[in-house]
Amino acid sequence: MEFFRIKRDIPFMRHALVFNVISFLTFAAAVFFLVTRGLHLSIEFTGGSLIELQYAQSANIPKVREAVESLKYGDVQVQNFGTSRDVLVRLPLRGDMKQGQVVEQVFAAVCKAEGGQVSVDQGDKGARQVCRAGATEPVSLQRSEFVGPQVGDELARDGALALGVTVLGIMIYLAIRFEWKFAVAGIVANLHDVIIILGFFAFFQWEFSLSVLAAVLAVLGYSVNESVVIFDRIRETFRKQRKMSVSEVIDHAITSTTSRTIITHGSTEAMVLAMLIFGGPTLHYFALALTIGIVFGIYSSVFVAAALAMWLGIKREDLMKSVKKDADPNDPNAGAVV
């Protein structure tokens, strides 16, 4: 499907060296910020407290968040789960306070925000904290638990393992489908996108959570899809246009996929922007990571992956299947029919 067709090939590879230098400088800056500032990890990686609340009516999330943030515990996460009445509060690890104290203070703050007061109710299952506002109970404490740093370390290791396995799988796939030079070019371009996303989160100290890690893995698959489309068109052009040079073949392949690139990335980014604008704090950093990945994914597929393939010396013979010869050409009886 094409909205438009560019009749003359755009000479992308003429400026490949300049764009690769820009890519290298951007990549180096991202690595620098990762090393010097590091990632601002969420409590899923560092440990902390989880508190589950249930409201009598639909919860006002901004109001709940404001009440919890007034305690100045640092970065907190407040979000709905299940229904609009159920709220999950996540707080960072507090070494100077016990888990019970943290839960008591948070529950008292959200209860006060609803115009109630906390009291202790002696029930059949023992004493429990109850929020009373007259004869009603506007909010109730369902459960609380502590996530230790050991669990966070395990999540970090599993996340790094998932990232490594994904990268290895993509490299093997590209090597089998195309050629090892394309595999190297494609994986460098994908890692370029991942490191730049992490660099943005390190520079601005945005919170890096499991949802952001999921976005990074999604960007890996998304970016390699664009590279595969361009690589496929390069192989097809090599077969059809035997008089073109390597740079001309790559220019033609990229130009001929421009319409498809605009349609695909434009529609994807429209959906991601909707999540970024209307998704609230829960989806904010997830959508932000996807937005950065989509923008740099287009750039890396054209100016990193394709250009690296050219620098690695890709040629027509690399993509053409060799014809197996059944007979020795020096045999005088070769080709004779009996």
Protein backbone atom coordinates (compact mmCIF):
# COMPACT_ATOMS: atom_id res chain seq x y z
CA MET A 1 0.00 0.00 0.00
CA GLU A 2 1.38 3.42 -1.00
CA PHE A 3 0.00 6.91 -0.48
CA PHE A 4 2.64 8.31 -2.78
CA ARG A 5 5.61 7.15 -4.81
CA ILE A 6 8.94 8.93 -5.08
CA LYS A 7 10.10 8.64 -8.67
CA ARG A 8 13.74 9.61 -8.11
CA ASP A 9 15.85 7.78 -5.57
CA ILE A 10 16.98 9.88 -2.60
CA PRO A 11 20.80 9.63 -2.15
CA PHE A 12 20.75 8.58 1.49
CA MET A 13 24.08 6.78 1.35
CA ARG A 14 25.84 9.88 0.05
CA HIS A 15 25.55 11.28 3.57
CA ALA A 16 25.95 7.96 5.39
CA LEU A 17 29.26 8.91 7.00
CA VAL A 18 27.85 12.14 8.48
CA PHE A 19 24.80 10.37 9.89
CA ASN A 20 26.91 7.55 11.30
CA VAL A 21 29.12 10.08 13.10
CA ILE A 22 25.97 11.68 14.57
CA SER A 23 24.76 8.23 15.61
CA PHE A 24 28.07 7.43 17.27
CA LEU A 25 28.10 10.73 19.21
CA THR A 26 24.49 10.19 20.34
CA PHE A 27 25.29 6.63 21.36
CA ALA A 28 28.42 7.76 23.25
CA ALA A 29 26.42 10.44 25.10
CA ALA A 30 23.80 7.86 26.12
CA VAL A 31 26.49 5.50 27.43
CA PHE A 32 28.12 8.39 29.32
CA PHE A 33 24.88 9.27 31.12
CA LEU A 34 24.20 5.61 31.88
CA VAL A 35 27.63 5.26 33.49
CA THR A 36 27.68 8.59 35.36
CA ARG A 37 24.03 8.95 36.39
CA GLY A 38 22.63 5.46 36.12
CA LEU A 39 18.98 4.48 35.86
CA HIS A 40 16.41 5.63 38.38
CA LEU A 41 14.99 2.19 39.15
CA SER A 42 11.44 1.74 40.43
CA ILE A 43 10.57 -0.18 43.58
CA GLU A 44 10.04 -3.29 41.46
CA PHE A 45 13.84 -3.41 41.21
CA THR A 46 14.92 -1.72 44.45
CA GLY A 47 12.25 -3.04 46.83
CA GLY A 48 9.50 -1.23 48.76
CA SER A 49 5.94 -1.47 50.02
CA LEU A 50 2.73 -2.44 48.22
CA ILE A 51 -0.57 -1.28 49.70
CA GLU A 52 -3.95 -2.30 48.27
CA LEU A 53 -6.92 -0.04 49.00
CA GLN A 54 -10.59 -0.38 48.12
CA TYR A 55 -12.93 2.62 47.91
CA ALA A 56 -16.69 2.61 48.38
CA GLN A 57 -17.03 4.69 45.21
CA SER A 58 -14.79 5.15 42.17
CA ALA A 59 -11.40 6.30 43.44
CA ASN A 60 -10.09 9.77 42.60
CA ILE A 61 -6.54 8.77 41.63
CA PRO A 62 -5.05 12.31 41.55
CA LYS A 63 -6.50 12.95 45.02
CA VAL A 64 -5.07 9.69 46.37
CA ARG A 65 -1.70 10.42 44.80
CA GLU A 66 -1.62 13.91 46.32
CA ALA A 67 -2.41 12.50 49.78
CA VAL A 68 0.37 9.90 49.56
CA GLU A 69 2.91 12.34 48.11
CA SER A 70 2.25 14.72 51.02
CA LEU A 71 4.09 12.20 53.22
CA LYS A 72 7.25 12.88 51.18
CA TYR A 73 8.28 9.25 50.80
CA GLY A 74 9.90 9.94 47.45
CA ASP A 75 8.65 8.58 44.14
CA VAL A 76 5.37 6.77 44.66
CA GLN A 77 3.09 4.99 42.20
CA VAL A 78 -0.69 5.15 42.56
CA GLN A 79 -2.85 3.34 40.02
CA ASN A 80 -6.13 1.50 39.53
CA PHE A 81 -6.17 -2.23 39.10
CA GLY A 82 -9.07 -4.56 38.56
CA THR A 83 -11.90 -2.03 38.99
CA SER A 84 -12.12 1.74 39.39
CA ARG A 85 -12.63 1.23 43.15
CA ASP A 86 -9.40 -0.71 43.67
CA VAL A 87 -6.15 1.25 44.09
CA LEU A 88 -2.58 -0.01 44.37
CA VAL A 89 0.00 2.20 46.08
CA ARG A 90 3.71 1.47 45.67
CA LEU A 91 6.29 3.19 47.83
CA PRO A 92 10.10 3.02 47.75
CA LEU A 93 12.13 1.24 50.41
CA ARG A 94 12.31 3.13 53.72
CA GLY A 95 15.26 1.96 55.77
CA ASP A 96 14.40 4.20 58.74
CA MET A 97 10.82 2.94 59.15
CA LYS A 98 9.17 -0.42 59.67
CA GLN A 99 6.64 -1.78 57.21
CA GLY A 100 3.78 -1.40 59.69
CA GLN A 101 4.54 2.27 60.28
CA VAL A 102 4.58 3.01 56.55
CA VAL A 103 1.20 1.32 56.05
CA GLU A 104 -0.34 3.15 59.01
CA GLN A 105 0.79 6.57 57.81
CA VAL A 106 -0.33 5.99 54.20
CA PHE A 107 -3.74 4.67 55.24
CA ALA A 108 -4.21 7.58 57.66
CA ALA A 109 -3.32 10.08 54.90
CA VAL A 110 -5.77 8.65 52.34
CA CYS A 111 -8.46 8.32 55.01
CA LYS A 112 -8.02 11.97 56.00
CA ALA A 113 -8.28 12.98 52.34
CA GLU A 114 -11.73 11.33 52.30
CA GLY A 115 -12.80 13.23 55.41
CA GLY A 116 -12.50 10.25 57.73
CA GLN A 117 -10.47 9.10 60.70
CA VAL A 118 -8.67 5.81 61.30
CA SER A 119 -9.82 3.62 64.17
CA VAL A 120 -9.05 0.07 65.25
CA ASP A 121 -11.85 -2.45 64.82
CA GLN A 122 -11.72 -5.63 66.90
CA GLY A 123 -13.29 -8.23 64.66
CA ASP A 124 -13.41 -12.03 64.47
CA LYS A 125 -10.12 -12.06 62.53
CA GLY A 126 -8.35 -9.78 64.98
CA ALA A 127 -7.72 -6.05 65.08
CA ARG A 128 -7.73 -4.13 61.83
CA GLN A 129 -7.55 -0.47 60.84
CA VAL A 130 -10.82 1.05 59.66
CA CYS A 131 -11.47 4.44 58.06
CA ARG A 132 -14.68 5.97 59.45
CA ALA A 133 -16.45 9.01 58.03
CA GLY A 134 -19.66 9.18 60.02
CA ALA A 135 -21.54 5.94 59.43
CA THR A 136 -19.66 5.09 56.21
CA GLU A 137 -16.32 3.52 55.40
CA PRO A 138 -15.05 5.46 52.34
CA VAL A 139 -11.84 3.45 51.99
CA SER A 140 -10.63 0.14 53.38
CA LEU A 141 -7.20 -1.41 53.64
CA GLN A 142 -7.27 -4.74 51.81
CA ARG A 143 -3.68 -5.90 52.12
CA SER A 144 -0.09 -4.73 52.38
CA GLU A 145 3.18 -6.46 51.65
CA PHE A 146 6.88 -5.75 51.52
CA VAL A 147 8.98 -6.34 48.40
CA GLY A 148 12.57 -6.88 49.42
CA PRO A 149 15.62 -5.80 47.42
CA GLN A 150 16.42 -9.47 46.78
CA VAL A 151 13.28 -9.75 44.66
CA GLY A 152 14.31 -6.55 42.86
CA ASP A 153 17.75 -7.99 42.09
CA GLU A 154 16.11 -11.10 40.66
CA LEU A 155 13.84 -8.99 38.46
CA ALA A 156 16.85 -6.99 37.23
CA ARG A 157 18.71 -10.20 36.33
CA ASP A 158 15.68 -11.68 34.60
CA GLY A 159 15.16 -8.43 32.68
CA ALA A 160 18.78 -8.37 31.52
CA LEU A 161 18.49 -12.04 30.53
CA ALA A 162 15.32 -11.34 28.54
CA LEU A 163 17.06 -8.49 26.75
CA GLY A 164 20.11 -10.64 25.96
CA VAL A 165 18.04 -13.58 24.67
CA THR A 166 15.99 -11.23 22.48
CA VAL A 167 19.12 -9.69 20.96
CA LEU A 168 20.66 -13.14 20.32
CA GLY A 169 17.44 -14.42 18.74
CA ILE A 170 17.20 -11.42 16.41
CA MET A 171 20.82 -11.82 15.34
CA ILE A 172 20.35 -15.53 14.56
CA TYR A 173 17.14 -14.78 12.63
CA LEU A 174 18.81 -12.11 10.48
CA ALA A 175 21.84 -14.31 9.82
CA ILE A 176 19.63 -17.18 8.65
CA ARG A 177 17.25 -15.07 6.58
CA PHE A 178 19.81 -12.79 4.99
CA GLU A 179 23.54 -12.86 5.62
CA TRP A 180 25.88 -12.34 8.58
CA LYS A 181 26.73 -8.77 7.52
CA PHE A 182 23.05 -7.86 7.69
CA ALA A 183 22.83 -9.61 11.07
CA VAL A 184 25.67 -7.50 12.48
CA ALA A 185 24.26 -4.29 10.98
CA GLY A 186 20.75 -5.04 12.24
CA ILE A 187 21.76 -5.89 15.80
CA VAL A 188 24.02 -2.82 16.08
CA ALA A 189 21.10 -0.66 14.93
CA ASN A 190 18.77 -2.30 17.46
CA LEU A 191 21.23 -1.89 20.33
CA HIS A 192 21.66 1.72 19.19
CA ASP A 193 17.93 2.27 19.81
CA VAL A 194 17.95 0.50 23.18
CA ILE A 195 20.98 2.37 24.54
CA ILE A 196 19.57 5.73 23.44
CA ILE A 197 16.25 4.99 25.22
CA LEU A 198 18.17 4.08 28.38
CA GLY A 199 20.32 7.19 27.92
CA PHE A 200 17.22 9.41 27.91
CA PHE A 201 15.97 7.77 31.11
CA ALA A 202 19.38 8.18 32.74
CA PHE A 203 19.79 11.83 31.70
CA PHE A 204 16.32 12.96 32.83
CA GLN A 205 16.22 10.47 35.74
CA TRP A 206 12.83 9.17 34.65
CA GLU A 207 11.66 6.15 36.57
CA PHE A 208 12.68 2.85 34.97
CA SER A 209 10.06 0.22 35.77
CA LEU A 210 9.01 -3.17 34.44
CA SER A 211 6.61 -1.47 32.02
CA VAL A 212 9.51 0.54 30.58
CA LEU A 213 11.53 -2.66 30.22
CA ALA A 214 8.58 -4.14 28.31
CA ALA A 215 8.62 -1.07 26.05
CA VAL A 216 12.34 -1.55 25.39
CA LEU A 217 11.77 -5.18 24.38
CA ALA A 218 8.88 -4.07 22.16
CA VAL A 219 11.13 -1.50 20.48
CA LEU A 220 13.67 -4.23 19.72
CA GLY A 221 11.09 -6.22 17.78
CA TYR A 222 9.59 -3.12 16.21
CA SER A 223 12.93 -1.79 15.02
CA VAL A 224 14.11 -5.08 13.57
CA ASN A 225 10.86 -5.30 11.57
CA GLU A 226 11.73 -2.04 9.80
CA SER A 227 15.27 -3.28 9.15
CA VAL A 228 13.96 -6.55 7.70
CA VAL A 229 11.68 -4.65 5.29
CA ILE A 230 14.61 -2.57 4.01
CA PHE A 231 16.91 -5.61 3.82
CA ASP A 232 14.26 -7.50 1.84
CA ARG A 233 13.97 -4.64 -0.62
CA ILE A 234 17.77 -4.47 -0.94
CA ARG A 235 17.89 -8.17 -1.83
CA GLU A 236 15.04 -7.76 -4.30
CA THR A 237 16.73 -4.76 -5.95
CA PHE A 238 20.03 -6.64 -6.24
CA ARG A 239 18.21 -9.33 -8.22
CA LYS A 240 16.37 -6.91 -10.52
CA GLN A 241 18.91 -4.11 -11.03
CA ARG A 242 22.24 -5.70 -11.92
CA LYS A 243 23.84 -2.49 -13.18
CA MET A 244 23.34 -0.50 -9.98
CA SER A 245 26.15 0.02 -7.48
CA VAL A 246 25.72 -1.06 -3.87
CA SER A 247 24.96 2.47 -2.65
CA GLU A 248 22.45 2.99 -5.46
CA VAL A 249 20.72 -0.29 -4.58
CA ILE A 250 20.42 0.76 -0.93
CA ASP A 251 19.16 4.23 -1.89
CA HIS A 252 16.52 2.68 -4.14
CA ALA A 253 15.46 0.21 -1.46
CA ILE A 254 15.03 2.90 1.20
CA THR A 255 13.27 5.31 -1.17
CA SER A 256 10.82 2.66 -2.38
CA THR A 257 9.83 1.82 1.24
CA THR A 258 9.41 5.47 2.34
CA SER A 259 5.64 5.50 1.86
CA ARG A 260 5.26 2.27 3.81
CA THR A 261 7.50 3.63 6.58
CA ILE A 262 5.43 6.81 6.94
CA ILE A 263 2.14 4.89 7.05
CA THR A 264 3.36 2.26 9.53
CA HIS A 265 5.23 4.52 11.92
CA GLY A 266 2.69 7.31 11.66
CA SER A 267 -0.22 5.08 12.66
CA THR A 268 1.81 3.44 15.44
CA GLU A 269 2.97 6.76 16.84
CA ALA A 270 -0.62 8.09 16.79
CA MET A 271 -1.64 5.24 19.08
CA VAL A 272 1.40 5.71 21.33
CA LEU A 273 0.78 9.46 21.59
CA ALA A 274 -2.80 8.73 22.66
CA MET A 275 -1.41 6.60 25.51
CA LEU A 276 1.15 9.30 26.34
CA ILE A 277 -1.45 12.09 26.52
CA PHE A 278 -4.50 10.27 27.90
CA GLY A 279 -3.01 7.20 29.58
CA GLY A 280 -2.13 8.98 32.81
CA PRO A 281 0.91 8.37 35.03
CA THR A 282 0.57 4.59 34.79
CA LEU A 283 1.31 4.51 31.04
CA HIS A 284 3.34 7.72 30.82
CA TYR A 285 6.89 6.31 30.86
CA PHE A 286 5.86 3.22 28.89
CA ALA A 287 4.51 5.42 26.08
CA LEU A 288 7.49 7.77 26.37
CA ALA A 289 9.95 4.91 25.88
CA LEU A 290 7.97 3.69 22.85
CA THR A 291 7.93 7.20 21.35
CA ILE A 292 11.71 7.52 21.64
CA GLY A 293 12.12 4.02 20.24
CA ILE A 294 9.88 4.65 17.23
CA VAL A 295 11.64 7.91 16.31
CA PHE A 296 15.14 6.48 16.62
CA GLY A 297 14.02 3.16 15.13
CA ILE A 298 13.26 4.89 11.82
CA TYR A 299 16.60 6.68 11.96
CA SER A 300 18.63 3.59 12.83
CA SER A 301 17.02 1.38 10.16
CA VAL A 302 17.95 3.86 7.43
CA PHE A 303 21.15 5.53 8.57
CA VAL A 304 22.63 2.88 10.85
CA ALA A 305 21.60 -0.60 9.68
CA ALA A 306 21.67 0.06 5.92
CA ALA A 307 24.82 2.17 6.11
CA LEU A 308 26.65 -0.40 8.25
CA ALA A 309 25.73 -3.12 5.79
CA MET A 310 27.33 -0.99 3.07
CA TRP A 311 30.47 -0.37 5.15
CA LEU A 312 30.75 -4.11 5.86
CA GLY A 313 30.97 -4.70 2.12
CA ILE A 314 27.62 -6.26 1.31
CA LYS A 315 27.40 -7.23 -2.36
CA ARG A 316 25.10 -8.98 -4.78
CA GLU A 317 26.90 -12.33 -4.43
CA ASP A 318 26.20 -12.38 -0.68
CA LEU A 319 22.45 -12.54 -1.30
CA MET A 320 22.36 -14.79 -4.36
CA LYS A 321 22.20 -18.54 -3.89
CA SER A 322 25.14 -20.23 -5.54
CA VAL A 323 24.29 -22.67 -8.33
CA LYS A 324 25.46 -26.17 -7.57
CA LYS A 325 27.44 -27.72 -10.39
CA ASP A 326 26.74 -31.38 -10.94
CA ALA A 327 29.71 -32.03 -13.26
CA ASP A 328 33.34 -31.10 -13.52
CA PRO A 329 33.74 -28.37 -16.21
CA ASN A 330 37.14 -29.88 -17.19
CA ASP A 331 35.59 -33.26 -17.90
CA PRO A 332 35.38 -33.68 -21.73
CA ASN A 333 32.37 -35.91 -21.25
CA ALA A 334 30.52 -33.34 -19.11
CA GLY A 335 27.07 -32.64 -20.54
CA ALA A 336 27.14 -35.68 -22.83
CA VAL A 337 23.86 -37.51 -23.13
CA VAL A 338 23.83 -41.27 -23.55
